[in-house]
Amino acid sequence: LSLHDALPITSLWALLGDLTIGQTWFGSVEVLNGGDLYVSHDVHIKNGELKVDGRRVNGDPSDLDVLGSVFVGGSGSANLLALWNAAKGDIDGNLIIGKDGPGAAILWGSANTADPTQLEVVDPQAGLCEIGREFDGGVSLDEGGLLRCRTIELGRAGTNGAGSLTVDGGMVRALDVLRVGQVGGGAGQVDMQNNALVATTGTYIAPNGVVTGTGTLAVGFLGLQNDGTLAPGINVMVPLMAAGHSQATSAAATLAISGTLTFGPSGRLQIPIAGATPGLYGSLAVTGTVALDGVLALDFRQGYAPQPGDAFTLLAATGGVSGAFDAVQVSGLPPGFGYRLDIANGQVMFEVNDGVFEMRLPLVWR
């Protein structure tokens, strides 16, 4: 069945075959007020949108049930899978975004965490959420949004499609592995904020991958391998002027890693710094061990210029820290200032001094 006009569904509608939404003309399907849409094969959103929204008075959610796969992307200007306001979706095949054209998916629950807006793609024989196949693709969640996939891949090897995952207070769960970017393929990016949670069995950040923001990244027994960029964020809200110096206020600026963290030679830890107060510079808190390599990049912002004695705890790992960064890069400051980098007792500390650069490493792995 191919749809080019709006089709509202407020009860049960079962389709024994494929559903294609939009081709030459824009198409729209809306599942509203506790309605149910059942599709026995695949869904293709090529030039239009599929929106699942709301619940019945008795609490029964609007529901999307697809026995095949869902493909989002085509020649149209808008290709969107949207779940809103405690709606639920279940895909027995795969979720492919960015096939035949750009595409996107959103799960917005409006902070209703008791009845989250939920999409499940976890069938043992499938369960791939591929975001950014041949073309760019993105998935975004707000607080009250929940996405569960067996495997999540941002970008695809051999193509130019980039994949993005924006988690603004919601939860993403990969039962197996999350891959951010692909070697020889599309780039990937994960943006986290507002107590976001991304839980996986293991996470790999490729050289063209970026994970940024604040929240918790729980990586399971496979740990986090970073060959790309890990960038804890800061959320500078209001610049203030005091005694002729620019200051700023900020929310919490820690990205928590639950599990082990390993930096590869191409790995990068990128730290924004807008002040010496915790919350005005990014940091990592790791429950497992950390193995350092690659580059530490310090990005001074908001006109902040550190003074001798200013100190920053950039990383703290309860399991201890081993190794060292190959290089330290500083941006946002004139060259020539002195600083010391201490790597000991499970911490990476950066302190400004009056002298030249020093790096102090532990004699043993603690």
Protein backbone atom coordinates (compact mmCIF):
# COMPACT_ATOMS: atom_id res chain seq x y z
CA LEU A 1 0.00 0.00 0.00
CA SER A 2 1.38 3.40 -1.01
CA LEU A 3 0.04 6.50 0.74
CA HIS A 4 0.31 10.06 -0.55
CA ASP A 5 -2.42 11.74 1.53
CA ALA A 6 -3.02 11.99 5.24
CA LEU A 7 -4.46 8.86 6.83
CA PRO A 8 -5.53 9.16 10.51
CA ILE A 9 -5.86 5.94 12.52
CA THR A 10 -7.79 6.01 15.80
CA SER A 11 -8.56 2.29 16.12
CA LEU A 12 -6.88 -0.89 14.80
CA TRP A 13 -5.63 -0.97 11.23
CA ALA A 14 -3.82 -4.11 9.99
CA LEU A 15 -1.90 -4.21 6.70
CA LEU A 16 -0.85 -7.58 5.27
CA GLY A 17 1.99 -6.33 3.11
CA ASP A 18 4.35 -3.36 2.79
CA LEU A 19 3.49 0.21 3.67
CA THR A 20 5.11 2.99 1.61
CA ILE A 21 4.52 6.57 2.71
CA GLY A 22 5.10 9.21 0.04
CA GLN A 23 6.96 8.94 -3.24
CA THR A 24 6.34 11.63 -5.86
CA TRP A 25 3.94 13.35 -3.47
CA PHE A 26 4.16 13.88 0.27
CA GLY A 27 2.34 11.29 2.39
CA SER A 28 1.34 11.16 6.05
CA VAL A 29 0.06 8.49 8.43
CA GLU A 30 -1.04 9.41 11.96
CA VAL A 31 -1.83 6.85 14.67
CA LEU A 32 -3.70 8.79 17.33
CA ASN A 33 -5.44 8.48 20.71
CA GLY A 34 -4.64 4.84 21.40
CA GLY A 35 -4.93 3.65 17.81
CA ASP A 36 -2.94 0.61 16.59
CA LEU A 37 -1.13 0.17 13.28
CA TYR A 38 0.01 -3.37 12.40
CA VAL A 39 2.18 -3.99 9.31
CA SER A 40 3.10 -7.57 8.40
CA HIS A 41 6.08 -6.66 6.18
CA ASP A 42 8.21 -3.51 5.75
CA VAL A 43 7.52 0.19 6.15
CA HIS A 44 9.17 2.68 3.77
CA ILE A 45 9.00 6.40 4.57
CA LYS A 46 10.23 7.97 1.32
CA ASN A 47 8.61 11.40 1.24
CA GLY A 48 6.48 11.95 4.30
CA GLU A 49 5.99 11.07 7.93
CA LEU A 50 4.60 8.35 10.18
CA LYS A 51 3.43 9.79 13.50
CA VAL A 52 2.33 7.69 16.49
CA ASP A 53 0.89 9.92 19.21
CA GLY A 54 -0.93 9.72 22.52
CA ARG A 55 -2.99 7.28 24.57
CA ARG A 56 -6.60 6.36 25.19
CA VAL A 57 -8.42 7.58 28.28
CA ASN A 58 -7.93 4.13 29.83
CA GLY A 59 -4.14 4.45 29.36
CA ASP A 60 -3.74 2.19 26.31
CA PRO A 61 -0.97 3.77 24.17
CA SER A 62 -1.02 4.44 20.46
CA ASP A 63 1.01 1.57 19.03
CA LEU A 64 3.07 0.74 15.95
CA ASP A 65 3.83 -2.95 15.35
CA VAL A 66 5.97 -3.87 12.32
CA LEU A 67 6.95 -7.49 11.63
CA GLY A 68 9.51 -6.43 9.02
CA SER A 69 11.93 -3.50 8.91
CA VAL A 70 11.38 0.25 8.85
CA PHE A 71 13.30 2.32 6.29
CA VAL A 72 13.32 6.10 6.69
CA GLY A 73 14.75 8.21 3.88
CA GLY A 74 14.01 9.19 0.33
CA SER A 75 13.96 12.01 -2.17
CA GLY A 76 11.43 14.04 -0.21
CA SER A 77 12.29 17.05 1.94
CA ALA A 78 10.80 15.44 5.08
CA ASN A 79 11.21 11.78 6.00
CA LEU A 80 10.27 11.26 9.62
CA LEU A 81 9.27 8.53 12.05
CA ALA A 82 7.82 10.25 15.13
CA LEU A 83 6.56 8.79 18.41
CA TRP A 84 5.02 11.22 20.90
CA ASN A 85 3.35 11.37 24.30
CA ALA A 86 3.71 7.82 25.68
CA ALA A 87 3.22 6.09 22.32
CA LYS A 88 4.96 2.76 21.72
CA GLY A 89 6.58 1.07 18.74
CA ASP A 90 7.87 -2.46 18.13
CA ILE A 91 9.95 -3.35 15.05
CA ASP A 92 10.79 -7.04 14.59
CA GLY A 93 13.27 -6.34 11.80
CA ASN A 94 15.73 -3.45 11.59
CA LEU A 95 15.42 0.33 11.75
CA ILE A 96 17.36 1.89 8.87
CA ILE A 97 17.54 5.70 8.70
CA GLY A 98 19.16 7.47 5.76
CA LYS A 99 18.31 4.94 3.03
CA ASP A 100 17.64 6.47 -0.43
CA GLY A 101 17.77 9.96 1.15
CA PRO A 102 18.06 11.78 4.49
CA GLY A 103 15.79 10.68 7.33
CA ALA A 104 15.10 11.15 11.01
CA ALA A 105 13.27 9.68 13.98
CA ILE A 106 12.12 11.37 17.19
CA LEU A 107 10.87 9.97 20.50
CA TRP A 108 9.40 12.75 22.60
CA GLY A 109 7.81 11.93 25.91
CA SER A 110 7.47 15.45 27.36
CA ALA A 111 9.22 14.36 30.60
CA ASN A 112 6.67 11.59 31.25
CA THR A 113 9.15 9.04 32.59
CA ALA A 114 6.44 6.87 34.19
CA ASP A 115 5.01 6.10 30.73
CA PRO A 116 7.91 6.70 28.36
CA THR A 117 7.57 7.11 24.63
CA GLN A 118 9.22 3.87 23.62
CA LEU A 119 10.60 2.20 20.49
CA GLU A 120 11.86 -1.41 20.63
CA VAL A 121 14.12 -2.93 17.94
CA VAL A 122 15.47 -5.96 19.76
CA ASP A 123 14.54 -9.13 17.84
CA PRO A 124 17.38 -11.69 18.26
CA GLN A 125 17.40 -12.33 14.48
CA ALA A 126 17.62 -8.61 13.61
CA GLY A 127 17.53 -5.60 15.94
CA LEU A 128 19.93 -3.30 14.08
CA CYS A 129 19.35 0.44 14.40
CA GLU A 130 21.48 1.87 11.59
CA ILE A 131 21.43 5.64 11.61
CA GLY A 132 23.02 7.24 8.54
CA ARG A 133 23.23 4.48 5.92
CA GLU A 134 23.86 6.04 2.49
CA PHE A 135 22.56 9.48 3.55
CA ASP A 136 22.51 11.47 6.77
CA GLY A 137 20.22 10.22 9.52
CA GLY A 138 19.41 11.28 13.05
CA VAL A 139 17.50 10.12 16.11
CA SER A 140 16.57 12.44 18.98
CA LEU A 141 14.98 11.78 22.37
CA ASP A 142 13.79 14.08 25.11
CA GLU A 143 13.22 13.24 28.76
CA GLY A 144 10.60 10.53 28.66
CA GLY A 145 11.95 8.99 25.45
CA LEU A 146 13.30 5.42 25.40
CA LEU A 147 15.02 3.67 22.48
CA ARG A 148 16.08 0.01 22.77
CA CYS A 149 18.00 -1.70 19.97
CA ARG A 150 20.07 -4.83 19.82
CA THR A 151 22.88 -2.98 18.00
CA ILE A 152 23.25 0.71 17.15
CA GLU A 153 25.49 1.92 14.33
CA LEU A 154 26.00 5.60 13.50
CA GLY A 155 27.32 5.87 9.95
CA ARG A 156 28.12 2.99 7.64
CA ALA A 157 31.39 1.71 6.19
CA GLY A 158 31.81 2.54 2.51
CA THR A 159 29.24 5.37 2.44
CA ASN A 160 29.17 9.07 3.24
CA GLY A 161 26.02 9.09 5.34
CA ALA A 162 26.57 10.52 8.83
CA GLY A 163 24.56 9.36 11.83
CA SER A 164 23.65 11.36 14.91
CA LEU A 165 22.02 10.45 18.21
CA THR A 166 20.78 13.27 20.46
CA VAL A 167 19.76 12.19 23.97
CA ASP A 168 18.26 15.11 25.88
CA GLY A 169 17.35 13.51 29.19
CA GLY A 170 16.06 10.26 27.70
CA MET A 171 17.50 6.75 27.65
CA VAL A 172 19.12 4.73 24.86
CA ARG A 173 19.86 1.04 25.36
CA ALA A 174 21.98 -1.09 23.01
CA LEU A 175 21.75 -4.71 24.13
CA ASP A 176 24.97 -5.39 22.26
CA VAL A 177 27.29 -2.71 20.87
CA LEU A 178 27.08 0.98 20.01
CA ARG A 179 29.39 2.04 17.17
CA VAL A 180 29.91 5.78 16.75
CA GLY A 181 31.26 6.42 13.25
CA GLN A 182 32.72 3.86 10.87
CA VAL A 183 36.26 3.29 9.66
CA GLY A 184 36.24 4.07 5.94
CA GLY A 185 32.68 5.33 6.09
CA GLY A 186 30.22 7.79 7.53
CA ALA A 187 30.84 9.85 10.65
CA GLY A 188 28.87 9.43 13.87
CA GLN A 189 28.05 11.69 16.80
CA VAL A 190 26.31 11.21 20.16
CA ASP A 191 25.18 14.34 22.02
CA MET A 192 24.09 13.86 25.64
CA GLN A 193 22.60 16.35 28.09
CA ASN A 194 20.18 16.73 31.01
CA ASN A 195 20.99 13.47 32.82
CA ALA A 196 20.91 11.44 29.62
CA LEU A 197 21.66 7.73 29.90
CA VAL A 198 23.20 5.63 27.12
CA ALA A 199 23.67 2.00 28.20
CA THR A 200 25.48 -0.59 26.09
CA THR A 201 27.40 -3.83 26.43
CA GLY A 202 30.29 -2.06 24.72
CA THR A 203 30.92 1.19 22.86
CA TYR A 204 33.41 1.94 20.07
CA ILE A 205 34.17 5.48 18.93
CA ALA A 206 35.78 5.36 15.49
CA PRO A 207 38.34 7.99 14.37
CA ASN A 208 35.45 9.93 12.75
CA GLY A 209 33.18 9.52 15.77
CA VAL A 210 32.39 11.97 18.58
CA VAL A 211 30.65 11.54 21.95
CA THR A 212 29.96 14.82 23.69
CA GLY A 213 27.95 16.33 26.53
CA THR A 214 26.99 15.30 30.05
CA GLY A 215 25.14 12.35 31.51
CA THR A 216 26.06 8.70 31.94
CA LEU A 217 27.53 6.32 29.39
CA ALA A 218 27.29 2.81 30.83
CA VAL A 219 29.45 0.58 28.65
CA GLY A 220 29.18 -2.89 30.17
CA PHE A 221 31.88 -5.54 30.28
CA LEU A 222 33.24 -4.72 26.78
CA GLY A 223 34.09 -1.18 27.89
CA LEU A 224 34.60 1.98 25.87
CA GLN A 225 37.28 2.08 23.16
CA ASN A 226 37.93 5.64 22.01
CA ASP A 227 39.76 6.09 18.72
CA GLY A 228 37.83 9.29 18.00
CA THR A 229 36.82 12.22 20.21
CA LEU A 230 35.43 12.07 23.72
CA ALA A 231 34.30 15.57 24.69
CA PRO A 232 32.56 16.19 28.02
CA GLY A 233 30.51 19.35 27.61
CA ILE A 234 29.73 22.44 29.58
CA ASN A 235 26.49 24.37 29.45
CA VAL A 236 27.42 27.99 29.97
CA MET A 237 24.17 29.84 30.58
CA VAL A 238 24.75 33.53 31.39
CA PRO A 239 28.00 35.50 31.03
CA LEU A 240 28.52 37.85 33.96
CA MET A 241 30.89 40.74 34.42
CA ALA A 242 32.68 41.07 37.76
CA ALA A 243 35.73 43.20 38.50
CA GLY A 244 36.37 43.54 34.79
CA HIS A 245 36.61 39.79 34.22
CA SER A 246 34.19 37.63 32.31
CA GLN A 247 32.64 34.85 34.36
CA ALA A 248 29.91 32.37 33.59
CA THR A 249 27.43 30.13 35.34
CA SER A 250 26.96 26.54 34.28
CA ALA A 251 25.14 23.33 34.97
CA ALA A 252 27.02 20.15 35.92
CA ALA A 253 29.75 19.40 33.40
CA THR A 254 30.71 15.78 34.06
CA LEU A 255 30.37 12.91 31.62
CA ALA A 256 30.23 9.70 33.66
CA ILE A 257 31.61 6.46 32.20
CA SER A 258 30.38 3.33 33.96
CA GLY A 259 32.98 0.74 32.95
CA THR A 260 36.50 0.78 31.53
CA LEU A 261 37.86 3.40 29.13
CA THR A 262 40.70 2.86 26.66
CA PHE A 263 42.16 5.59 24.45
CA GLY A 264 43.75 4.50 21.18
CA PRO A 265 46.64 6.36 19.49
CA SER A 266 44.12 8.43 17.47
CA GLY A 267 41.88 8.98 20.49
CA ARG A 268 41.20 12.48 21.71
CA LEU A 269 39.96 13.86 25.05
CA GLN A 270 38.61 17.34 24.36
CA ILE A 271 37.99 19.51 27.42
CA PRO A 272 36.17 22.88 27.27
CA ILE A 273 37.24 25.35 30.00
CA ALA A 274 35.33 28.56 30.82
CA GLY A 275 36.51 28.93 34.44
CA ALA A 276 38.28 27.19 37.31
CA THR A 277 35.10 26.35 39.24
CA PRO A 278 33.79 22.78 38.83
CA GLY A 279 30.94 22.98 36.35
CA LEU A 280 32.74 25.56 34.23
CA TYR A 281 35.05 22.98 32.71
CA GLY A 282 34.35 19.53 31.34
CA SER A 283 35.48 16.39 33.14
CA LEU A 284 35.23 12.61 33.05
CA ALA A 285 34.28 10.38 35.97
CA VAL A 286 35.07 6.71 35.31
CA THR A 287 34.13 3.78 37.55
CA GLY A 288 36.65 1.39 35.98
CA THR A 289 40.23 1.68 34.78
CA VAL A 290 41.46 4.19 32.20
CA ALA A 291 44.30 3.58 29.72
CA LEU A 292 45.55 6.85 28.23
CA ASP A 293 46.96 7.51 24.76
CA GLY A 294 46.38 9.99 21.99
CA VAL A 295 45.79 13.71 22.52
CA LEU A 296 44.50 15.89 25.36
CA ALA A 297 42.94 19.02 23.83
CA LEU A 298 42.17 21.97 26.14
CA ASP A 299 39.77 24.54 24.69
CA PHE A 300 39.61 27.79 26.71
CA ARG A 301 36.35 29.68 26.13
CA GLN A 302 34.30 32.72 27.15
CA GLY A 303 37.43 34.86 27.42
CA TYR A 304 38.64 32.94 30.48
CA ALA A 305 42.40 33.25 31.06
CA PRO A 306 43.72 31.00 33.88
CA GLN A 307 45.91 32.39 36.63
CA PRO A 308 48.85 30.68 38.39
CA GLY A 309 47.46 28.21 40.89
CA ASP A 310 44.25 27.48 38.96
CA ALA A 311 43.79 23.69 38.95
CA PHE A 312 41.41 21.38 37.12
CA THR A 313 40.57 17.73 37.72
CA LEU A 314 39.99 16.62 34.14
CA LEU A 315 39.55 12.91 34.80
CA ALA A 316 38.99 10.74 37.87
CA ALA A 317 38.93 6.94 37.66
CA THR A 318 38.16 4.77 40.67
CA GLY A 319 39.96 1.84 39.00
CA GLY A 320 43.15 3.81 38.35
CA VAL A 321 44.89 5.42 35.36
CA SER A 322 47.73 4.02 33.25
CA GLY A 323 49.64 5.37 30.25
CA ALA A 324 49.94 8.99 29.17
CA PHE A 325 48.81 11.35 26.44
CA ASP A 326 51.13 11.64 23.45
CA ALA A 327 50.46 15.36 23.15
CA VAL A 328 48.66 18.28 24.80
CA GLN A 329 46.99 20.87 22.56
CA VAL A 330 45.80 24.24 23.90
CA SER A 331 43.45 26.61 22.08
CA GLY A 332 41.90 29.93 23.12
CA LEU A 333 45.03 31.24 24.88
CA PRO A 334 48.18 33.02 23.69
CA PRO A 335 51.20 30.71 23.51
CA GLY A 336 53.82 30.52 26.21
CA PHE A 337 51.94 30.07 29.47
CA GLY A 338 53.23 27.45 31.90
CA TYR A 339 51.31 24.51 33.24
CA ARG A 340 51.74 21.10 34.79
CA LEU A 341 49.89 17.88 33.99
CA ASP A 342 49.80 15.32 36.81
CA ILE A 343 48.69 11.77 36.12
CA ALA A 344 48.59 9.91 39.42
CA ASN A 345 46.29 8.36 42.01
CA GLY A 346 43.57 7.69 39.47
CA GLN A 347 43.36 11.32 38.34
CA VAL A 348 44.48 13.59 35.54
CA MET A 349 45.13 17.05 36.99
CA PHE A 350 45.96 20.22 35.08
CA GLU A 351 47.49 23.15 36.97
CA VAL A 352 48.70 26.54 35.76
CA ASN A 353 52.12 27.66 36.99
CA ASP A 354 54.66 30.42 36.30
CA GLY A 355 57.14 28.14 34.62
CA VAL A 356 57.15 25.91 31.58
CA PHE A 357 55.20 22.79 30.74
CA GLU A 358 55.77 19.80 33.01
CA MET A 359 54.25 16.33 32.90
CA ARG A 360 54.40 14.18 36.02
CA LEU A 361 53.55 10.52 35.64
CA PRO A 362 53.12 7.85 38.31
CA LEU A 363 55.93 5.38 38.77
CA VAL A 364 53.43 2.55 39.03
CA TRP A 365 49.90 1.98 37.83
CA ARG A 366 47.53 2.74 40.70
